[in-house]
Amino acid sequence: MICSFECSFCTDCVSTLLGNVCPNCGGGFAPRPVRPARNWKGGAYLGNYAASTQVKHRPVDVQAHAAFAATLLSIAPQDR
């Protein structure tokens, strides 16, 4: 899942741990789009622009996030 600032988290974490609140910006999440595997147009495909293989693990402080998310949970993600 991805937020509008391109913070990415797995679906399980977004739904169970984060409550659909990005711990970095407070926005909601949407399914992450998939880059095309084939060159359909203009060279904009996975072959020219490979996805990063570098994983950045940034643990979330569960208690701090719960307090932060509580202030936003009553606001729909599209209205934050």
N, C-alpha and C. Protein backbone atom coordinates (compact mmCIF):
# COMPACT_ATOMS: atom_id res chain seq x y z
N MET A 1 0.85 -1.17 0.00
CA MET A 1 0.00 0.00 0.00
C MET A 1 0.90 1.23 0.00
N ILE A 2 0.38 2.34 -0.54
CA ILE A 2 1.20 3.54 -0.70
C ILE A 2 0.38 4.78 -0.34
N CYS A 3 1.02 5.78 0.26
CA CYS A 3 0.34 7.05 0.54
C CYS A 3 0.72 8.05 -0.56
N SER A 4 0.17 9.23 -0.49
CA SER A 4 0.43 10.22 -1.55
C SER A 4 1.87 10.71 -1.56
N PHE A 5 2.61 10.51 -0.46
CA PHE A 5 4.03 10.86 -0.42
C PHE A 5 4.92 9.66 -0.73
N GLU A 6 4.29 8.58 -1.21
CA GLU A 6 4.96 7.36 -1.65
C GLU A 6 5.60 6.57 -0.51
N CYS A 7 5.07 6.73 0.70
CA CYS A 7 5.47 5.86 1.79
C CYS A 7 4.77 4.52 1.54
N SER A 8 5.49 3.43 1.62
CA SER A 8 4.93 2.13 1.31
C SER A 8 4.96 1.20 2.51
N PHE A 9 3.86 0.50 2.73
CA PHE A 9 3.74 -0.48 3.80
C PHE A 9 2.94 -1.65 3.27
N CYS A 10 3.13 -2.82 3.87
CA CYS A 10 2.38 -3.99 3.43
C CYS A 10 0.92 -3.84 3.85
N THR A 11 0.05 -4.54 3.14
CA THR A 11 -1.39 -4.47 3.39
C THR A 11 -1.74 -4.85 4.82
N ASP A 12 -1.11 -5.88 5.34
CA ASP A 12 -1.40 -6.31 6.71
C ASP A 12 -1.10 -5.20 7.71
N CYS A 13 0.05 -4.54 7.58
CA CYS A 13 0.40 -3.46 8.51
C CYS A 13 -0.55 -2.28 8.37
N VAL A 14 -0.92 -1.94 7.14
CA VAL A 14 -1.83 -0.81 6.94
C VAL A 14 -3.17 -1.06 7.63
N SER A 15 -3.69 -2.27 7.52
CA SER A 15 -5.01 -2.54 8.09
C SER A 15 -4.98 -2.87 9.58
N THR A 16 -3.94 -3.54 10.06
CA THR A 16 -3.96 -3.97 11.46
C THR A 16 -3.18 -3.04 12.38
N LEU A 17 -2.01 -2.64 11.99
CA LEU A 17 -1.15 -1.85 12.86
C LEU A 17 -1.37 -0.34 12.69
N LEU A 18 -1.47 0.11 11.44
CA LEU A 18 -1.51 1.54 11.17
C LEU A 18 -2.92 2.12 11.09
N GLY A 19 -3.93 1.29 10.92
CA GLY A 19 -5.31 1.79 10.85
C GLY A 19 -5.55 2.72 9.68
N ASN A 20 -4.85 2.49 8.57
CA ASN A 20 -4.96 3.31 7.35
C ASN A 20 -4.56 4.76 7.60
N VAL A 21 -3.61 4.97 8.52
CA VAL A 21 -3.04 6.30 8.78
C VAL A 21 -1.53 6.18 8.59
N CYS A 22 -0.99 6.92 7.62
CA CYS A 22 0.46 6.88 7.39
C CYS A 22 1.18 7.48 8.59
N PRO A 23 2.13 6.75 9.16
CA PRO A 23 2.85 7.27 10.33
C PRO A 23 3.78 8.44 9.99
N ASN A 24 4.06 8.65 8.72
CA ASN A 24 4.96 9.72 8.31
C ASN A 24 4.24 11.02 7.97
N CYS A 25 3.03 10.92 7.39
CA CYS A 25 2.35 12.15 6.96
C CYS A 25 0.91 12.26 7.42
N GLY A 26 0.31 11.16 7.90
CA GLY A 26 -1.07 11.20 8.37
C GLY A 26 -2.10 10.91 7.30
N GLY A 27 -1.66 10.73 6.07
CA GLY A 27 -2.59 10.43 4.98
C GLY A 27 -3.05 8.99 5.02
N GLY A 28 -3.94 8.66 4.10
CA GLY A 28 -4.42 7.29 3.96
C GLY A 28 -3.61 6.56 2.92
N PHE A 29 -3.94 5.30 2.70
CA PHE A 29 -3.22 4.46 1.76
C PHE A 29 -4.12 3.97 0.63
N ALA A 30 -3.51 3.66 -0.50
CA ALA A 30 -4.19 3.07 -1.65
C ALA A 30 -3.30 1.94 -2.16
N PRO A 31 -3.89 1.01 -2.93
CA PRO A 31 -3.05 -0.05 -3.48
C PRO A 31 -1.92 0.54 -4.33
N ARG A 32 -0.75 -0.01 -4.19
CA ARG A 32 0.40 0.46 -4.96
C ARG A 32 0.27 0.00 -6.41
N PRO A 33 0.39 0.90 -7.38
CA PRO A 33 0.29 0.50 -8.78
C PRO A 33 1.49 -0.34 -9.21
N VAL A 34 1.29 -1.13 -10.22
CA VAL A 34 2.34 -2.00 -10.75
C VAL A 34 2.90 -1.37 -12.03
N ARG A 35 4.22 -1.31 -12.14
CA ARG A 35 4.82 -0.79 -13.37
C ARG A 35 4.64 -1.81 -14.49
N PRO A 36 4.37 -1.34 -15.71
CA PRO A 36 4.22 -2.27 -16.82
C PRO A 36 5.51 -3.05 -17.07
N ALA A 37 5.38 -4.33 -17.34
CA ALA A 37 6.54 -5.17 -17.62
C ALA A 37 7.02 -5.02 -19.06
N ARG A 38 6.10 -4.60 -19.94
CA ARG A 38 6.45 -4.44 -21.36
C ARG A 38 6.52 -2.97 -21.74
N ASN A 39 7.25 -2.68 -22.79
CA ASN A 39 7.37 -1.32 -23.30
C ASN A 39 6.15 -1.01 -24.17
N TRP A 40 5.08 -0.57 -23.55
CA TRP A 40 3.87 -0.26 -24.29
C TRP A 40 3.98 1.09 -24.98
N LYS A 41 4.73 2.04 -24.39
CA LYS A 41 4.79 3.37 -24.97
C LYS A 41 5.97 4.15 -24.41
N GLY A 42 6.81 4.65 -25.25
CA GLY A 42 7.85 5.60 -24.87
C GLY A 42 8.92 5.13 -23.91
N GLY A 43 9.08 3.85 -23.73
CA GLY A 43 10.14 3.35 -22.86
C GLY A 43 9.84 3.42 -21.38
N ALA A 44 8.59 3.76 -21.01
CA ALA A 44 8.22 3.84 -19.60
C ALA A 44 7.74 2.47 -19.13
N TYR A 45 8.69 1.63 -18.76
CA TYR A 45 8.36 0.28 -18.30
C TYR A 45 9.44 -0.22 -17.37
N LEU A 46 9.18 -1.35 -16.74
CA LEU A 46 10.06 -1.91 -15.73
C LEU A 46 11.47 -2.15 -16.24
N GLY A 47 11.61 -2.50 -17.51
CA GLY A 47 12.93 -2.75 -18.09
C GLY A 47 13.84 -1.52 -18.09
N ASN A 48 13.27 -0.35 -18.29
CA ASN A 48 14.05 0.89 -18.27
C ASN A 48 14.11 1.53 -16.89
N TYR A 49 13.09 1.31 -16.10
CA TYR A 49 13.00 1.92 -14.77
C TYR A 49 12.69 0.84 -13.76
N ALA A 50 13.70 0.09 -13.41
CA ALA A 50 13.52 -1.03 -12.49
C ALA A 50 13.12 -0.53 -11.10
N ALA A 51 12.28 -1.32 -10.45
CA ALA A 51 11.90 -1.02 -9.08
C ALA A 51 13.12 -1.19 -8.19
N SER A 52 13.19 -0.41 -7.14
CA SER A 52 14.32 -0.50 -6.22
C SER A 52 14.34 -1.86 -5.53
N THR A 53 15.51 -2.38 -5.33
CA THR A 53 15.67 -3.63 -4.59
C THR A 53 16.12 -3.34 -3.17
N GLN A 54 16.36 -2.08 -2.86
CA GLN A 54 16.79 -1.69 -1.53
C GLN A 54 15.58 -1.49 -0.63
N VAL A 55 15.48 -2.31 0.40
CA VAL A 55 14.37 -2.21 1.35
C VAL A 55 14.80 -1.29 2.48
N LYS A 56 13.97 -0.31 2.79
CA LYS A 56 14.24 0.59 3.91
C LYS A 56 13.28 0.23 5.02
N HIS A 57 13.80 -0.43 6.03
CA HIS A 57 12.97 -0.84 7.16
C HIS A 57 12.99 0.28 8.19
N ARG A 58 11.82 0.86 8.41
CA ARG A 58 11.69 1.92 9.40
C ARG A 58 10.60 1.51 10.38
N PRO A 59 10.98 0.90 11.48
CA PRO A 59 10.00 0.43 12.45
C PRO A 59 9.10 1.56 12.96
N VAL A 60 7.87 1.21 13.23
CA VAL A 60 6.90 2.17 13.75
C VAL A 60 6.76 1.96 15.25
N ASP A 61 6.83 3.03 16.00
CA ASP A 61 6.57 2.99 17.45
C ASP A 61 5.06 2.85 17.61
N VAL A 62 4.61 1.66 17.97
CA VAL A 62 3.19 1.34 18.00
C VAL A 62 2.40 2.26 18.93
N GLN A 63 2.92 2.54 20.11
CA GLN A 63 2.21 3.40 21.06
C GLN A 63 2.12 4.84 20.55
N ALA A 64 3.21 5.36 20.04
CA ALA A 64 3.20 6.73 19.51
C ALA A 64 2.27 6.84 18.31
N HIS A 65 2.29 5.81 17.46
CA HIS A 65 1.40 5.85 16.29
C HIS A 65 -0.07 5.76 16.69
N ALA A 66 -0.38 4.96 17.70
CA ALA A 66 -1.77 4.84 18.15
C ALA A 66 -2.30 6.19 18.61
N ALA A 67 -1.48 6.95 19.34
CA ALA A 67 -1.89 8.28 19.79
C ALA A 67 -2.06 9.23 18.61
N PHE A 68 -1.14 9.18 17.66
CA PHE A 68 -1.21 10.03 16.47
C PHE A 68 -2.44 9.67 15.63
N ALA A 69 -2.63 8.37 15.37
CA ALA A 69 -3.74 7.91 14.53
C ALA A 69 -5.09 8.24 15.17
N ALA A 70 -5.17 8.20 16.48
CA ALA A 70 -6.43 8.49 17.17
C ALA A 70 -6.94 9.88 16.84
N THR A 71 -6.05 10.81 16.58
CA THR A 71 -6.47 12.18 16.25
C THR A 71 -7.01 12.29 14.84
N LEU A 72 -6.74 11.27 14.00
CA LEU A 72 -7.14 11.33 12.59
C LEU A 72 -8.18 10.31 12.17
N LEU A 73 -8.42 9.31 12.99
CA LEU A 73 -9.29 8.21 12.58
C LEU A 73 -10.73 8.63 12.29
N SER A 74 -11.19 9.70 12.87
CA SER A 74 -12.57 10.15 12.61
C SER A 74 -12.68 10.94 11.31
N ILE A 75 -11.55 11.21 10.67
CA ILE A 75 -11.53 11.94 9.40
C ILE A 75 -11.24 10.95 8.29
N ALA A 76 -12.09 10.88 7.29
CA ALA A 76 -11.87 9.97 6.16
C ALA A 76 -10.55 10.31 5.47
N PRO A 77 -9.81 9.29 5.00
CA PRO A 77 -8.51 9.55 4.37
C PRO A 77 -8.56 10.61 3.26
N GLN A 78 -9.61 10.62 2.46
CA GLN A 78 -9.69 11.60 1.37
C GLN A 78 -9.94 13.03 1.86
N ASP A 79 -10.30 13.17 3.14
CA ASP A 79 -10.57 14.50 3.71
C ASP A 79 -9.47 15.00 4.63
N ARG A 80 -8.39 14.22 4.80
CA ARG A 80 -7.33 14.64 5.71
C ARG A 80 -6.47 15.70 5.11
